[in-house]
Protein backbone atom coordinates (compact mmCIF):
# COMPACT_ATOMS: atom_id res chain seq x y z
CA UNK A 1 -22.13 179.50 -82.43
CA UNK A 2 -18.54 180.89 -83.57
CA UNK A 3 -17.81 176.92 -84.18
CA UNK A 4 -20.41 176.92 -86.49
CA UNK A 5 -19.88 179.84 -88.66
CA UNK A 6 -16.35 178.73 -88.65
CA UNK A 7 -17.49 175.57 -89.92
CA UNK A 8 -19.85 176.80 -92.31
CA UNK A 9 -16.84 179.12 -93.82
CA UNK A 10 -15.01 176.13 -94.19
CA UNK A 11 -17.53 173.56 -95.95
CA UNK A 12 -18.49 176.68 -98.45
CA UNK A 13 -14.95 176.60 -99.59
CA UNK A 14 -14.26 173.34 -99.25
CA UNK A 15 -14.03 169.91 -101.89
CA UNK A 16 -13.57 166.74 -100.65
CA UNK A 17 -10.27 164.60 -100.78
CA UNK A 18 -10.81 161.05 -101.09
CA UNK A 19 -7.29 160.29 -99.71
CA UNK A 20 -8.19 161.68 -96.59
CA UNK A 21 -11.28 159.78 -96.07
CA UNK A 22 -10.46 156.66 -96.73
CA UNK A 23 -8.48 154.72 -94.10
CA UNK A 24 -5.02 153.43 -95.18
CA UNK A 25 -5.16 149.84 -96.73
CA UNK A 26 -8.99 149.91 -96.24
CA UNK A 27 -10.60 148.85 -99.73
CA UNK A 28 -14.36 150.33 -99.54
CA UNK A 29 -17.16 147.89 -101.10
CA UNK A 30 -19.31 148.58 -103.99
CA UNK A 31 -21.90 151.23 -102.14
CA UNK A 32 -19.08 152.70 -100.48
CA UNK A 33 -17.46 153.57 -104.11
CA UNK A 34 -20.29 154.91 -105.14
CA UNK A 35 -21.29 157.22 -102.28
CA UNK A 36 -17.87 158.21 -102.32
CA UNK A 37 -17.62 158.97 -106.23
CA UNK A 38 -20.60 161.34 -105.24
CA UNK A 39 -18.63 163.61 -103.52
CA UNK A 40 -15.10 163.14 -104.96
CA UNK A 41 -13.51 166.71 -106.23
CA UNK A 42 -16.87 168.16 -105.27
CA UNK A 43 -18.03 170.61 -102.75
CA UNK A 44 -19.40 168.42 -99.71
CA UNK A 45 -22.38 170.44 -98.64
CA UNK A 46 -23.72 171.29 -102.30
CA UNK A 47 -23.33 167.58 -102.87
CA UNK A 48 -25.46 166.69 -99.59
CA UNK A 49 -28.00 168.91 -99.55
CA UNK A 50 -28.84 168.44 -103.47
CA UNK A 51 -28.78 163.89 -102.89
CA UNK A 52 -30.89 164.96 -99.70
CA UNK A 53 -33.61 167.20 -101.05
CA UNK A 54 -33.09 164.52 -104.23
CA UNK A 55 -33.99 161.44 -101.94
CA UNK A 56 -36.86 162.99 -100.16
CA UNK A 57 -38.68 163.72 -103.46
CA UNK A 58 -38.45 160.57 -104.90
CA UNK A 59 -39.01 158.78 -101.76
CA UNK A 60 -42.06 160.72 -101.30
CA UNK A 61 -44.17 160.54 -103.89
CA UNK A 62 -42.41 157.57 -104.97
CA UNK A 63 -43.84 155.99 -101.63
CA UNK A 64 -47.62 157.77 -103.01
CA UNK A 65 -47.81 155.93 -106.60
CA UNK A 66 -48.35 152.45 -105.46
CA UNK A 67 -51.46 153.67 -103.13
CA UNK A 68 -52.16 156.12 -106.33
CA UNK A 69 -52.42 152.93 -108.93
CA UNK A 70 -55.02 151.48 -105.90
CA UNK A 71 -57.31 154.22 -106.16
CA UNK A 72 -57.90 152.39 -109.96
CA UNK A 73 -58.10 149.16 -109.39
CA UNK A 74 -61.71 148.04 -108.03
CA UNK A 75 -60.80 144.76 -106.34
CA UNK A 76 -58.41 146.45 -103.65
CA UNK A 77 -61.26 149.00 -102.80
CA UNK A 78 -62.34 146.54 -100.31
CA UNK A 79 -58.83 147.86 -98.15
CA UNK A 80 -59.79 151.63 -98.65
CA UNK A 81 -60.52 152.47 -95.02
CA UNK A 82 -63.27 155.79 -95.35
CA UNK A 83 -65.07 153.82 -98.73
CA UNK A 84 -67.58 156.65 -98.62
CA UNK A 85 -65.46 159.37 -99.34
CA UNK A 86 -63.21 159.66 -102.78
CA UNK A 87 -60.49 161.41 -103.17
CA UNK A 88 -61.22 163.96 -106.52
CA UNK A 89 -58.61 165.20 -109.30
CA UNK A 90 -59.05 168.92 -107.56
CA UNK A 91 -58.23 168.09 -103.87
CA UNK A 92 -55.14 166.11 -105.26
CA UNK A 93 -54.09 169.39 -107.16
CA UNK A 94 -54.45 171.19 -104.15
CA UNK A 95 -52.39 168.78 -102.16
CA UNK A 96 -49.49 168.86 -104.85
CA UNK A 97 -49.55 172.65 -105.39
CA UNK A 98 -49.37 173.23 -101.25
CA UNK A 99 -46.32 170.23 -101.29
CA UNK A 100 -44.40 171.55 -103.43
CA UNK A 101 -44.42 175.12 -102.35
CA UNK A 102 -43.48 173.61 -98.74
CA UNK A 103 -40.47 171.26 -99.83
CA UNK A 104 -38.92 173.86 -101.98
CA UNK A 105 -39.91 176.87 -100.17
CA UNK A 106 -39.49 175.63 -96.56
CA UNK A 107 -37.88 172.22 -96.74
CA UNK A 108 -35.11 173.10 -99.16
CA UNK A 109 -33.88 175.88 -97.25
CA UNK A 110 -33.99 173.74 -93.80
CA UNK A 111 -32.05 170.79 -96.12
CA UNK A 112 -29.42 173.80 -97.30
CA UNK A 113 -28.77 174.35 -93.27
CA UNK A 114 -28.24 170.69 -92.10
CA UNK A 115 -24.90 169.85 -92.98
CA UNK A 116 -23.27 172.86 -90.89
CA UNK A 117 -25.75 172.04 -87.76
CA UNK A 118 -24.82 167.94 -88.37
CA UNK A 119 -21.35 168.42 -88.40
CA UNK A 120 -21.58 170.89 -85.06
CA UNK A 121 -22.97 167.33 -83.31
CA UNK A 122 -20.79 164.88 -85.01
CA UNK A 123 -22.34 163.36 -87.69
CA UNK A 124 -19.80 161.62 -90.32
CA UNK A 125 -20.70 162.18 -93.75
CA UNK A 126 -17.70 160.72 -96.19
CA UNK A 127 -16.07 158.56 -93.87
CA UNK A 128 -15.82 154.65 -94.40
CA UNK A 129 -15.97 152.00 -93.64
CA UNK A 130 -19.75 152.79 -93.47
CA UNK A 131 -21.58 151.15 -89.91
CA UNK A 132 -22.79 147.01 -90.06
CA UNK A 133 -26.66 146.68 -90.54
CA UNK A 134 -26.76 145.95 -86.93
CA UNK A 135 -25.63 149.26 -85.61
CA UNK A 136 -27.79 151.41 -88.10
CA UNK A 137 -30.79 148.78 -87.42
CA UNK A 138 -30.64 149.52 -84.23
CA UNK A 139 -29.85 153.48 -84.27
CA UNK A 140 -32.70 153.87 -86.28
CA UNK A 141 -34.61 151.69 -83.92
CA UNK A 142 -33.82 153.93 -81.27
CA UNK A 143 -34.79 157.69 -83.92
CA UNK A 144 -38.32 155.66 -84.37
CA UNK A 145 -38.82 155.79 -80.63
CA UNK A 146 -37.64 159.46 -80.20
CA UNK A 147 -39.24 160.80 -82.83
CA UNK A 148 -43.00 159.44 -81.80
CA UNK A 149 -42.28 160.43 -78.14
CA UNK A 150 -41.88 163.65 -79.73
CA UNK A 151 -44.68 163.69 -82.16
CA UNK A 152 -47.30 162.25 -79.71
CA UNK A 153 -46.39 165.48 -77.33
CA UNK A 154 -46.51 168.03 -80.28
CA UNK A 155 -49.48 166.54 -81.51
CA UNK A 156 -51.41 166.50 -78.62
CA UNK A 157 -50.09 170.45 -78.24
CA UNK A 158 -51.55 170.97 -81.93
CA UNK A 159 -54.59 170.14 -81.06
CA UNK A 160 -54.85 173.16 -78.05
CA UNK A 161 -57.32 176.20 -79.10
CA UNK A 162 -55.65 178.41 -81.05
CA UNK A 163 -52.91 176.17 -82.22
CA UNK A 164 -55.36 174.02 -83.77
CA UNK A 165 -57.75 176.96 -85.69
CA UNK A 166 -54.78 178.58 -86.76
CA UNK A 167 -51.80 175.93 -87.50
CA UNK A 168 -52.90 172.26 -87.25
CA UNK A 169 -56.47 172.37 -88.89
CA UNK A 170 -54.60 172.77 -92.30
CA UNK A 171 -53.63 169.03 -91.82
CA UNK A 172 -57.06 168.11 -91.41
CA UNK A 173 -58.80 169.77 -94.26
CA UNK A 174 -58.44 165.82 -95.19
CA UNK A 175 -60.40 164.13 -93.25
CA UNK A 176 -60.01 160.81 -95.29
CA UNK A 177 -56.24 161.21 -96.54
CA UNK A 178 -54.66 159.93 -98.97
CA UNK A 179 -50.68 159.13 -99.07
CA UNK A 180 -49.58 162.42 -100.66
CA UNK A 181 -51.55 164.52 -97.57
CA UNK A 182 -48.37 163.23 -94.95
CA UNK A 183 -46.62 166.29 -95.58
CA UNK A 184 -49.69 168.43 -96.21
CA UNK A 185 -49.91 171.07 -93.44
CA UNK A 186 -49.09 174.70 -92.15
CA UNK A 187 -45.57 176.03 -92.35
CA UNK A 188 -45.02 176.15 -88.54
CA UNK A 189 -46.46 172.46 -88.29
CA UNK A 190 -43.93 171.29 -90.60
CA UNK A 191 -40.98 172.78 -89.01
CA UNK A 192 -41.88 172.09 -85.52
CA UNK A 193 -42.87 168.25 -86.52
CA UNK A 194 -39.60 168.08 -88.46
CA UNK A 195 -37.71 168.59 -85.44
CA UNK A 196 -38.35 165.50 -84.29
CA UNK A 197 -36.82 163.49 -87.19
CA UNK A 198 -33.45 165.88 -86.99
CA UNK A 199 -32.94 165.85 -83.60
CA UNK A 200 -33.54 162.23 -82.87
CA UNK A 201 -30.21 160.90 -84.99
CA UNK A 202 -28.31 164.75 -83.97
CA UNK A 203 -28.80 164.27 -80.24
CA UNK A 204 -27.80 160.36 -80.36
CA UNK A 205 -24.70 161.19 -81.87
CA UNK A 206 -23.79 164.13 -79.34
CA UNK A 207 -24.90 162.20 -76.70
CA UNK A 208 -24.54 158.20 -77.00
CA UNK A 209 -22.43 157.00 -80.12
CA UNK A 210 -21.00 158.20 -83.95
CA UNK A 211 -24.06 158.28 -86.26
CA UNK A 212 -22.79 158.63 -90.15
CA UNK A 213 -25.08 160.23 -92.52
CA UNK A 214 -25.92 156.90 -95.07
CA UNK A 215 -27.93 156.11 -91.58
CA UNK A 216 -29.36 159.34 -91.18
CA UNK A 217 -30.85 159.26 -94.95
CA UNK A 218 -32.04 155.64 -94.54
CA UNK A 219 -34.14 156.45 -91.05
CA UNK A 220 -35.46 159.59 -92.89
CA UNK A 221 -36.49 157.25 -96.08
CA UNK A 222 -38.14 154.43 -93.48
CA UNK A 223 -39.70 157.86 -91.93
CA UNK A 224 -40.93 159.06 -95.15
CA UNK A 225 -42.54 155.34 -96.18
CA UNK A 226 -44.22 155.43 -92.27
CA UNK A 227 -45.68 158.45 -93.08
CA UNK A 228 -47.25 158.32 -96.27
CA UNK A 229 -48.33 154.48 -95.16
CA UNK A 230 -50.11 156.19 -92.45
CA UNK A 231 -52.00 158.34 -94.32
CA UNK A 232 -52.44 155.81 -97.30
CA UNK A 233 -56.34 155.53 -96.37
CA UNK A 234 -55.50 151.75 -96.73
CA UNK A 235 -55.71 149.27 -94.37
CA UNK A 236 -54.13 145.69 -95.70
CA UNK A 237 -54.25 142.57 -94.60
CA UNK A 238 -50.33 142.56 -95.45
CA UNK A 239 -50.13 145.95 -93.43
CA UNK A 240 -47.44 145.82 -90.84
CA UNK A 241 -49.58 146.57 -87.45
CA UNK A 242 -51.77 142.97 -88.54
CA UNK A 243 -47.73 141.53 -87.52
CA UNK A 244 -46.69 143.69 -84.90
CA UNK A 245 -49.46 144.96 -82.89
CA UNK A 246 -47.70 147.94 -81.36
CA UNK A 247 -47.32 149.51 -85.00
CA UNK A 248 -49.85 152.38 -85.56
CA UNK A 249 -50.42 152.29 -89.20
CA UNK A 250 -53.06 153.52 -91.47
CA UNK A 251 -55.74 152.09 -89.74
CA UNK A 252 -54.90 153.80 -86.83
CA UNK A 253 -54.08 157.54 -87.89
CA UNK A 254 -56.83 157.28 -90.53
CA UNK A 255 -59.75 157.56 -87.57
CA UNK A 256 -57.31 160.61 -86.34
CA UNK A 257 -58.46 162.25 -89.37
CA UNK A 258 -61.59 161.08 -89.55
CA UNK A 259 -63.02 162.15 -86.23
CA UNK A 260 -60.41 164.77 -85.08
CA UNK A 261 -59.37 163.34 -81.93
CA UNK A 262 -57.46 160.28 -80.51
CA UNK A 263 -54.63 158.12 -82.00
CA UNK A 264 -51.95 161.07 -81.71
CA UNK A 265 -48.58 159.14 -81.88
CA UNK A 266 -46.80 158.76 -85.47
CA UNK A 267 -45.50 155.34 -85.38
CA UNK A 268 -45.85 153.16 -82.37
CA UNK A 269 -49.56 152.71 -79.97
CA UNK A 270 -48.32 152.66 -76.88
CA UNK A 271 -48.16 156.70 -75.42
CA UNK A 272 -51.93 156.48 -76.93
CA UNK A 273 -52.48 153.29 -74.98
CA UNK A 274 -50.58 154.69 -71.94
CA UNK A 275 -52.33 157.91 -71.42
CA UNK A 276 -55.59 157.02 -72.63
CA UNK A 277 -55.60 158.95 -76.03
CA UNK A 278 -57.55 155.81 -77.90
CA UNK A 279 -60.13 155.02 -76.12
CA UNK A 280 -62.94 156.71 -78.96
CA UNK A 281 -60.87 154.79 -81.27
CA UNK A 282 -60.86 151.53 -79.64
CA UNK A 283 -64.71 152.06 -79.09
CA UNK A 284 -65.37 152.67 -83.41
CA UNK A 285 -63.73 149.65 -83.93
CA UNK A 286 -65.92 147.68 -81.68
CA UNK A 287 -68.83 149.36 -83.17
CA UNK A 288 -67.33 148.35 -86.66
CA UNK A 289 -66.59 145.04 -85.47
CA UNK A 290 -70.33 144.22 -84.36
CA UNK A 291 -71.64 145.53 -87.38
CA UNK A 292 -69.95 143.31 -89.32
CA UNK A 293 -71.68 140.40 -86.77
CA UNK A 294 -75.25 141.57 -87.56
CA UNK A 295 -74.62 142.20 -91.72
């Protein structure tokens, strides 16, 4: 704890000196130069917090825009999973108001406190060279697996009695989810589920190997893409689960919102398959297939 407090004190007053960040004789590439330029002569803590928050907002809402457009294209209506349910303007406004509160009042302060913790675990922020693509891809793959394990068990726990009634039920207000509802949740749920996203790279860095901040931001970027996609309410022929059968996607998670049971995983299907928490989902899919054959 003393280490973290001392680290916070130093970070609050320091500015980035690039001469200490670039190894002797190394020539940063374009991406590295751009990244370092954000921090040069500025407070690293302030810059990183702004970058992380801005990225979160742009990726989250930007990823939702294509699905919002789909709602107004009749030709794409056939790909909507729950075709008998509409997302009214009032629902969109309610969701947006809640999200803005959550992002600025709950997630924003958490982001402010992230960098001191990240440094304690060993996350690199302004060091170059960046990790290579293979390293980033491997680490992000590990993060997806770890977060999915966390999400599965926490999600199942939140469907228990009082936890569901007083906390998780907020997220289930939308039985036909749309992309923006991915982070529509009770503040307690936002914090607890978010730990899976944050702890995965921190624990990897602490016990396995170095993790760079750009890898962590790329991981959060992809995790947001996955979360919004899973809540999109659309299942297209090009949806990822059609090519990777173990991927969950909207087809998998939409049933959870519709039926309030089964399919507790976030990214993958294997935990639900292993522990039998997708039986009702498969029965539902079988009924739909039989109905399609007879119609």
